[in-house]
Each structure stands twice: as C-alpha cells, then as structure tokens.
Amino acid sequence: MASRHGISRLQLYRWRQLFREGDLGGRRIEGFVPAVVVPEMPPWIRTPYRRPA
C-alpha cells in the first residue's frame, strides 16, 4: 500500500511508531477529529455568480 503512494515500508513503520509514542507532529493528539462527508456540489452551484460586464 505504501509503495503505491511513493512511501517506503520503513518510513511508514517509523511514522506509525512515532504516532504511537506521541512524537509525530510535535504534540500528542488524543482521539479522532470528527469529519463529515458530503456529496460533491454540482458545478452550477459551486461556481459563483458573475455579473456581466
């Protein structure tokens, strides 16, 4: 899996080790950050309205 993203197995192992020790990113993070997955908006909604010049 890691090689598909250009990451060596050793690097992935080290990151996991640092994460478990609380040393990844300089501070320890407890738990998970809540996330909401929403469907992609149609282009006509995402594109801001521009008044003709």
N, C-alpha and C. Protein backbone atom coordinates (compact mmCIF):
# COMPACT_ATOMS: atom_id res chain seq x y z
N MET A 1 0.82 -1.19 0.00
CA MET A 1 0.00 0.00 0.00
C MET A 1 0.87 1.25 0.00
N ALA A 2 1.89 1.29 0.85
CA ALA A 2 2.73 2.48 0.94
C ALA A 2 3.46 2.76 -0.37
N SER A 3 3.92 1.71 -1.05
CA SER A 3 4.68 1.92 -2.28
C SER A 3 3.82 2.55 -3.38
N ARG A 4 2.52 2.31 -3.35
CA ARG A 4 1.64 2.94 -4.34
C ARG A 4 1.63 4.45 -4.19
N HIS A 5 1.97 4.94 -3.01
CA HIS A 5 1.96 6.37 -2.74
C HIS A 5 3.37 6.94 -2.61
N GLY A 6 4.37 6.16 -3.02
CA GLY A 6 5.75 6.63 -3.00
C GLY A 6 6.38 6.67 -1.62
N ILE A 7 5.89 5.86 -0.70
CA ILE A 7 6.42 5.82 0.66
C ILE A 7 6.99 4.43 0.91
N SER A 8 8.19 4.38 1.46
CA SER A 8 8.79 3.07 1.73
C SER A 8 8.13 2.44 2.95
N ARG A 9 8.19 1.11 3.03
CA ARG A 9 7.62 0.41 4.19
C ARG A 9 8.30 0.85 5.48
N LEU A 10 9.61 1.08 5.41
CA LEU A 10 10.35 1.51 6.59
C LEU A 10 9.87 2.88 7.07
N GLN A 11 9.62 3.81 6.15
CA GLN A 11 9.14 5.13 6.53
C GLN A 11 7.76 5.04 7.17
N LEU A 12 6.88 4.23 6.59
CA LEU A 12 5.55 4.05 7.15
C LEU A 12 5.63 3.44 8.55
N TYR A 13 6.47 2.46 8.72
CA TYR A 13 6.66 1.85 10.03
C TYR A 13 7.13 2.89 11.06
N ARG A 14 8.09 3.73 10.66
CA ARG A 14 8.62 4.75 11.56
C ARG A 14 7.55 5.76 11.94
N TRP A 15 6.74 6.20 10.97
CA TRP A 15 5.66 7.14 11.27
C TRP A 15 4.66 6.54 12.25
N ARG A 16 4.33 5.27 12.06
CA ARG A 16 3.41 4.61 12.97
C ARG A 16 4.01 4.52 14.37
N GLN A 17 5.30 4.23 14.44
CA GLN A 17 5.99 4.16 15.73
C GLN A 17 5.97 5.53 16.42
N LEU A 18 6.29 6.58 15.68
CA LEU A 18 6.27 7.93 16.25
C LEU A 18 4.87 8.33 16.70
N PHE A 19 3.86 7.94 15.93
CA PHE A 19 2.48 8.25 16.29
C PHE A 19 2.10 7.59 17.61
N ARG A 20 2.46 6.31 17.74
CA ARG A 20 2.15 5.59 18.98
C ARG A 20 2.85 6.21 20.19
N GLU A 21 4.07 6.72 19.98
CA GLU A 21 4.83 7.33 21.06
C GLU A 21 4.42 8.78 21.32
N GLY A 22 3.58 9.34 20.45
CA GLY A 22 3.15 10.72 20.61
C GLY A 22 4.14 11.74 20.10
N ASP A 23 5.08 11.30 19.26
CA ASP A 23 6.11 12.20 18.75
C ASP A 23 5.90 12.63 17.30
N LEU A 24 4.80 12.30 16.71
CA LEU A 24 4.55 12.68 15.32
C LEU A 24 3.81 14.01 15.31
N GLY A 25 4.42 15.02 14.74
CA GLY A 25 3.77 16.32 14.66
C GLY A 25 4.06 17.24 15.84
N GLY A 26 4.87 16.81 16.77
CA GLY A 26 5.27 17.69 17.85
C GLY A 26 4.34 17.74 19.04
N ARG A 27 3.13 17.21 18.93
CA ARG A 27 2.22 17.19 20.08
C ARG A 27 1.36 15.94 20.02
N ARG A 28 0.94 15.50 21.15
CA ARG A 28 0.12 14.29 21.21
C ARG A 28 -1.34 14.66 21.01
N ILE A 29 -2.01 13.92 20.15
CA ILE A 29 -3.42 14.15 19.87
C ILE A 29 -4.19 12.94 20.35
N GLU A 30 -5.15 13.17 21.21
CA GLU A 30 -5.98 12.08 21.73
C GLU A 30 -7.26 11.98 20.90
N GLY A 31 -7.63 10.77 20.54
CA GLY A 31 -8.90 10.55 19.86
C GLY A 31 -8.86 10.90 18.38
N PHE A 32 -10.03 11.15 17.87
CA PHE A 32 -10.18 11.44 16.45
C PHE A 32 -10.83 12.80 16.26
N VAL A 33 -10.59 13.39 15.12
CA VAL A 33 -11.24 14.64 14.75
C VAL A 33 -12.51 14.28 13.99
N PRO A 34 -13.65 14.81 14.41
CA PRO A 34 -14.88 14.47 13.69
C PRO A 34 -14.85 15.03 12.26
N ALA A 35 -15.37 14.27 11.34
CA ALA A 35 -15.42 14.70 9.95
C ALA A 35 -16.78 14.36 9.37
N VAL A 36 -17.21 15.19 8.44
CA VAL A 36 -18.48 14.97 7.76
C VAL A 36 -18.21 14.85 6.28
N VAL A 37 -18.68 13.80 5.68
CA VAL A 37 -18.51 13.60 4.25
C VAL A 37 -19.81 14.01 3.57
N VAL A 38 -19.69 14.95 2.66
CA VAL A 38 -20.87 15.44 1.95
C VAL A 38 -20.69 15.18 0.46
N PRO A 39 -21.80 15.01 -0.26
CA PRO A 39 -21.66 14.79 -1.71
C PRO A 39 -21.12 16.05 -2.38
N GLU A 40 -20.44 15.84 -3.49
CA GLU A 40 -19.88 16.96 -4.23
C GLU A 40 -21.02 17.79 -4.81
N MET A 41 -20.86 19.10 -4.75
CA MET A 41 -21.89 20.00 -5.27
C MET A 41 -21.81 20.06 -6.79
N PRO A 42 -22.95 20.19 -7.47
CA PRO A 42 -22.92 20.33 -8.93
C PRO A 42 -22.18 21.62 -9.31
N PRO A 43 -21.53 21.65 -10.48
CA PRO A 43 -20.74 22.83 -10.88
C PRO A 43 -21.56 24.12 -10.89
N TRP A 44 -22.81 24.05 -11.23
CA TRP A 44 -23.60 25.28 -11.30
C TRP A 44 -23.87 25.86 -9.92
N ILE A 45 -23.72 25.07 -8.87
CA ILE A 45 -23.87 25.59 -7.51
C ILE A 45 -22.52 26.09 -7.00
N ARG A 46 -21.44 25.40 -7.33
CA ARG A 46 -20.11 25.76 -6.85
C ARG A 46 -19.60 27.03 -7.49
N THR A 47 -19.96 27.29 -8.76
CA THR A 47 -19.45 28.45 -9.48
C THR A 47 -20.15 29.71 -9.01
N PRO A 48 -19.39 30.68 -8.51
CA PRO A 48 -20.04 31.91 -8.05
C PRO A 48 -20.64 32.69 -9.22
N TYR A 49 -21.73 33.36 -8.95
CA TYR A 49 -22.39 34.16 -9.99
C TYR A 49 -21.55 35.36 -10.31
N ARG A 50 -21.36 35.61 -11.59
CA ARG A 50 -20.62 36.80 -12.02
C ARG A 50 -21.54 37.64 -12.89
N ARG A 51 -21.65 38.88 -12.51
CA ARG A 51 -22.49 39.79 -13.25
C ARG A 51 -21.82 40.13 -14.58
N PRO A 52 -22.58 40.17 -15.68
CA PRO A 52 -21.98 40.54 -16.98
C PRO A 52 -21.37 41.94 -16.92
N ALA A 53 -20.24 42.10 -17.61
CA ALA A 53 -19.54 43.41 -17.58
C ALA A 53 -20.20 44.43 -18.46
